[in-house]
Amino acid sequence: MLQLYIGNKNYSSWSMRPWVLLRQAGIAFEEKPVRFDSFAPGSQFKAQLAGLSPTGKVPVLVDDGLVLWDSLAIAEYLAEKYPDKQLWPADRAARATARSVVAEMHSGFTALRSACGMNIEAHLPETGALIWRDNAGVRADVQRLVAMWSALLQQHGGPMLFGAFSIADAFYAPVCMRLTTFALPVPQPIADYVRRVQALPGVKDWIDGALAEADFREFEEPYRLRR
């Protein structure tokens, strides 16, 4: 059986992408959680991944001795291994576009990702309002998301970015979490898409797991103090 090594569900956006993809597609796998304690060289997190991932990061997919340590590489591998799951759109042009928007997520939106870390359990609208006011990069990233999602939803008719669920929706699922946590302003059709993504069984399972963890890491909580 496939094994997927992931970090804390509340925080690990990169882990969320392949986990949701596997769960939503109905592909059986064994979840291998690696708890965030620190990302320092001597941390337990790094020790658990030593000898498995050359980067010392999650996610990591293991399939009968084959080890993949990048979320996009994992997604491409799963699409090839399970063609019947149609993880990419069937149409060639749509598939090329889907790869483009996934690659953009993989390497871009750095302002949004840096300022608004994924924290599913948290509700930080006041912090989000300050970030929105003061961070032009976040506003630009959200504007790009709105333009991209609006065009895709209109072109393909929804409910997902390319009609049916695909790798693209799995890759943008953590962004949906960020928009919700920080209550960043988006038009109603985009807010509706966010809710549809969060209602997907695979995404809901991840959210439920995140809420059940109650494993709060101080270095992942820059905006609030817990008693």
Protein backbone atom coordinates (compact mmCIF):
# COMPACT_ATOMS: atom_id res chain seq x y z
CA MET A 1 0.00 0.00 0.00
CA LEU A 2 1.09 3.56 -0.63
CA GLN A 3 2.49 5.37 2.39
CA LEU A 4 2.19 9.14 2.74
CA TYR A 5 4.29 10.95 5.34
CA ILE A 6 2.65 14.19 6.45
CA GLY A 7 3.09 16.91 9.06
CA ASN A 8 0.50 18.33 11.44
CA LYS A 9 -2.81 18.62 9.63
CA ASN A 10 -3.58 21.97 11.22
CA TYR A 11 -0.50 23.60 9.70
CA SER A 12 1.01 21.53 6.90
CA SER A 13 -0.39 22.92 3.66
CA TRP A 14 2.05 20.96 1.49
CA SER A 15 1.00 17.71 3.18
CA MET A 16 -2.66 18.56 2.67
CA ARG A 17 -2.39 18.61 -1.12
CA PRO A 18 -1.47 14.95 -1.85
CA TRP A 19 -3.47 13.67 1.15
CA VAL A 20 -6.66 15.32 -0.15
CA LEU A 21 -5.88 14.15 -3.67
CA LEU A 22 -5.56 10.53 -2.54
CA ARG A 23 -8.58 10.60 -0.25
CA GLN A 24 -10.89 12.42 -2.66
CA ALA A 25 -9.87 10.10 -5.52
CA GLY A 26 -10.50 7.00 -3.40
CA ILE A 27 -6.91 5.74 -3.60
CA ALA A 28 -5.97 3.62 -0.59
CA PHE A 29 -2.92 4.72 1.38
CA GLU A 30 -1.38 4.51 4.83
CA GLU A 31 -1.03 7.80 6.63
CA LYS A 32 2.33 8.30 8.36
CA PRO A 33 2.20 11.43 10.54
CA VAL A 34 5.44 13.17 11.50
CA ARG A 35 4.77 15.67 14.26
CA PHE A 36 6.13 19.18 13.93
CA ASP A 37 8.40 19.92 16.89
CA SER A 38 11.03 22.04 15.23
CA PHE A 39 12.66 22.21 11.82
CA ALA A 40 16.15 22.45 13.30
CA PRO A 41 18.72 19.83 12.17
CA GLY A 42 18.56 18.01 15.52
CA SER A 43 14.78 17.97 15.85
CA GLN A 44 12.71 14.82 16.15
CA PHE A 45 10.93 15.84 12.95
CA LYS A 46 14.19 15.84 11.00
CA ALA A 47 15.32 12.62 12.69
CA GLN A 48 12.19 10.78 11.59
CA LEU A 49 12.67 11.85 7.99
CA ALA A 50 16.40 11.15 7.91
CA GLY A 51 17.23 8.52 5.33
CA LEU A 52 13.79 8.86 3.78
CA SER A 53 13.58 12.35 2.28
CA PRO A 54 16.72 14.11 0.99
CA THR A 55 15.10 17.46 1.76
CA GLY A 56 13.96 16.55 5.26
CA LYS A 57 10.49 17.87 4.51
CA VAL A 58 6.95 16.56 4.08
CA PRO A 59 5.05 15.29 2.19
CA VAL A 60 6.82 12.10 1.20
CA LEU A 61 5.16 9.31 -0.77
CA VAL A 62 6.56 5.78 -0.63
CA ASP A 63 5.39 3.17 -3.12
CA ASP A 64 7.09 -0.22 -2.94
CA GLY A 65 10.52 1.26 -2.36
CA LEU A 66 10.06 4.28 -4.62
CA VAL A 67 10.33 7.52 -2.63
CA LEU A 68 8.91 10.83 -3.87
CA TRP A 69 9.42 13.99 -1.80
CA ASP A 70 7.72 16.80 -3.70
CA SER A 71 3.98 17.44 -3.77
CA LEU A 72 3.85 18.15 -7.51
CA ALA A 73 5.96 15.11 -8.33
CA ILE A 74 3.65 13.03 -6.13
CA ALA A 75 0.58 14.35 -7.94
CA GLU A 76 2.07 13.62 -11.37
CA TYR A 77 3.05 10.12 -10.28
CA LEU A 78 -0.44 9.39 -8.98
CA ALA A 79 -1.99 10.66 -12.22
CA GLU A 80 0.20 8.24 -14.20
CA LYS A 81 -0.29 5.32 -11.83
CA TYR A 82 -4.07 5.70 -11.64
CA PRO A 83 -5.21 6.98 -15.05
CA ASP A 84 -8.74 5.77 -14.36
CA LYS A 85 -9.05 8.36 -11.58
CA GLN A 86 -8.72 11.21 -14.10
CA LEU A 87 -6.74 13.40 -11.74
CA TRP A 88 -5.96 15.78 -14.61
CA PRO A 89 -8.69 17.02 -17.02
CA ALA A 90 -9.24 14.73 -20.01
CA ASP A 91 -9.13 17.54 -22.55
CA ARG A 92 -5.56 18.32 -23.64
CA ALA A 93 -5.94 22.11 -23.55
CA ALA A 94 -7.64 22.01 -20.16
CA ARG A 95 -4.97 19.62 -18.88
CA ALA A 96 -2.21 21.99 -19.99
CA THR A 97 -3.95 24.90 -18.29
CA ALA A 98 -4.44 22.85 -15.13
CA ARG A 99 -0.74 22.05 -15.05
CA SER A 100 0.03 25.76 -15.45
CA VAL A 101 -2.16 26.87 -12.54
CA VAL A 102 -0.86 24.05 -10.33
CA ALA A 103 2.73 25.02 -11.13
CA GLU A 104 1.85 28.63 -10.32
CA MET A 105 0.60 27.54 -6.90
CA HIS A 106 3.66 25.36 -6.39
CA SER A 107 6.10 28.24 -6.94
CA GLY A 108 4.09 31.41 -6.39
CA PHE A 109 1.74 33.28 -4.07
CA THR A 110 4.65 33.76 -1.69
CA ALA A 111 3.23 36.87 -0.02
CA LEU A 112 -0.03 35.12 0.84
CA ARG A 113 1.71 31.97 2.02
CA SER A 114 4.20 33.91 4.16
CA ALA A 115 1.76 36.32 5.79
CA CYS A 116 -1.17 33.93 6.20
CA GLY A 117 0.13 30.56 7.30
CA MET A 118 -2.34 27.69 7.18
CA ASN A 119 -3.94 27.30 10.59
CA ILE A 120 -7.26 25.51 10.17
CA GLU A 121 -8.31 25.65 13.82
CA ALA A 122 -7.73 29.40 14.13
CA HIS A 123 -10.14 32.22 13.32
CA LEU A 124 -8.16 35.43 12.84
CA PRO A 125 -10.31 38.03 11.07
CA GLU A 126 -8.74 40.97 12.92
CA THR A 127 -5.26 39.83 11.95
CA GLY A 128 -6.47 39.28 8.41
CA ALA A 129 -7.81 42.82 8.25
CA LEU A 130 -4.45 44.23 9.31
CA ILE A 131 -2.60 42.06 6.80
CA TRP A 132 -5.02 43.13 4.07
CA ARG A 133 -4.51 46.79 4.96
CA ASP A 134 -0.72 46.71 5.21
CA ASN A 135 0.48 44.01 2.83
CA ALA A 136 0.20 44.92 -0.85
CA GLY A 137 1.69 41.56 -1.83
CA VAL A 138 -1.16 39.69 -0.15
CA ARG A 139 -3.71 41.89 -1.88
CA ALA A 140 -2.01 41.23 -5.23
CA ASP A 141 -1.93 37.47 -4.61
CA VAL A 142 -5.62 37.38 -3.73
CA GLN A 143 -6.46 39.50 -6.75
CA ARG A 144 -4.62 36.98 -8.93
CA LEU A 145 -6.49 34.10 -7.28
CA VAL A 146 -9.83 35.78 -7.84
CA ALA A 147 -9.05 36.43 -11.51
CA MET A 148 -7.79 32.88 -12.09
CA TRP A 149 -10.58 31.08 -10.27
CA SER A 150 -13.29 33.28 -11.76
CA ALA A 151 -12.09 32.61 -15.30
CA LEU A 152 -11.77 28.86 -14.78
CA LEU A 153 -15.12 28.49 -13.06
CA GLN A 154 -16.81 30.45 -15.81
CA GLN A 155 -15.04 28.56 -18.60
CA HIS A 156 -15.63 25.08 -17.20
CA GLY A 157 -18.95 25.66 -15.49
CA GLY A 158 -17.87 24.53 -12.02
CA PRO A 159 -18.39 23.29 -9.44
CA MET A 160 -14.60 22.79 -9.36
CA LEU A 161 -11.96 24.73 -11.28
CA PHE A 162 -12.03 22.34 -14.25
CA GLY A 163 -15.55 21.08 -13.81
CA ALA A 164 -14.83 17.88 -11.90
CA PHE A 165 -12.37 17.58 -9.02
CA SER A 166 -8.75 17.53 -10.16
CA ILE A 167 -5.20 18.04 -8.93
CA ALA A 168 -5.79 21.79 -9.29
CA ASP A 169 -8.49 21.79 -6.60
CA ALA A 170 -6.31 19.70 -4.28
CA PHE A 171 -3.43 22.15 -4.70
CA TYR A 172 -5.57 25.19 -3.98
CA ALA A 173 -7.42 23.61 -1.04
CA PRO A 174 -4.93 25.02 1.51
CA VAL A 175 -5.48 28.49 0.02
CA CYS A 176 -9.18 28.05 0.76
CA MET A 177 -8.21 27.37 4.38
CA ARG A 178 -6.11 30.53 4.52
CA LEU A 179 -8.86 32.70 3.07
CA THR A 180 -11.25 31.36 5.71
CA THR A 181 -8.90 31.61 8.70
CA PHE A 182 -7.95 35.21 7.97
CA ALA A 183 -11.35 36.22 6.52
CA LEU A 184 -9.73 37.81 3.50
CA PRO A 185 -12.28 39.61 1.29
CA VAL A 186 -13.25 37.83 -1.94
CA PRO A 187 -16.29 38.11 -4.25
CA GLN A 188 -19.27 35.89 -3.52
CA PRO A 189 -18.63 33.39 -6.37
CA ILE A 190 -15.13 32.82 -5.00
CA ALA A 191 -16.44 32.44 -1.44
CA ASP A 192 -18.92 29.89 -2.81
CA TYR A 193 -16.08 27.94 -4.45
CA VAL A 194 -14.15 27.98 -1.17
CA ARG A 195 -17.16 26.48 0.61
CA ARG A 196 -17.56 23.80 -2.08
CA VAL A 197 -13.92 22.81 -1.71
CA GLN A 198 -14.23 22.63 2.07
CA ALA A 199 -17.31 20.43 1.69
CA LEU A 200 -15.52 17.84 -0.46
CA PRO A 201 -15.34 14.59 1.54
CA GLY A 202 -11.56 14.40 1.22
CA VAL A 203 -11.11 17.99 2.36
CA LYS A 204 -13.63 17.64 5.16
CA ASP A 205 -11.79 14.57 6.43
CA TRP A 206 -8.55 16.58 6.54
CA ILE A 207 -10.26 19.48 8.34
CA ASP A 208 -11.81 17.11 10.88
CA GLY A 209 -8.38 15.58 11.50
CA ALA A 210 -6.83 19.02 11.95
CA LEU A 211 -9.47 20.06 14.46
CA ALA A 212 -9.00 16.84 16.42
CA GLU A 213 -5.23 17.27 16.80
CA ALA A 214 -5.19 19.99 19.49
CA ASP A 215 -1.42 20.01 19.02
CA PHE A 216 -0.56 23.69 18.90
CA ARG A 217 2.99 24.60 17.91
CA GLU A 218 4.20 27.97 19.18
CA PHE A 219 6.39 28.58 16.13
CA GLU A 220 3.30 28.15 13.93
CA GLU A 221 1.22 30.57 16.02
CA PRO A 222 2.69 34.06 15.47
CA TYR A 223 -0.62 35.89 15.88
CA ARG A 224 -1.99 34.60 19.14
CA LEU A 225 -0.97 33.36 22.57
CA ARG A 226 -2.58 30.34 24.23
CA ARG A 227 -3.09 30.04 27.96
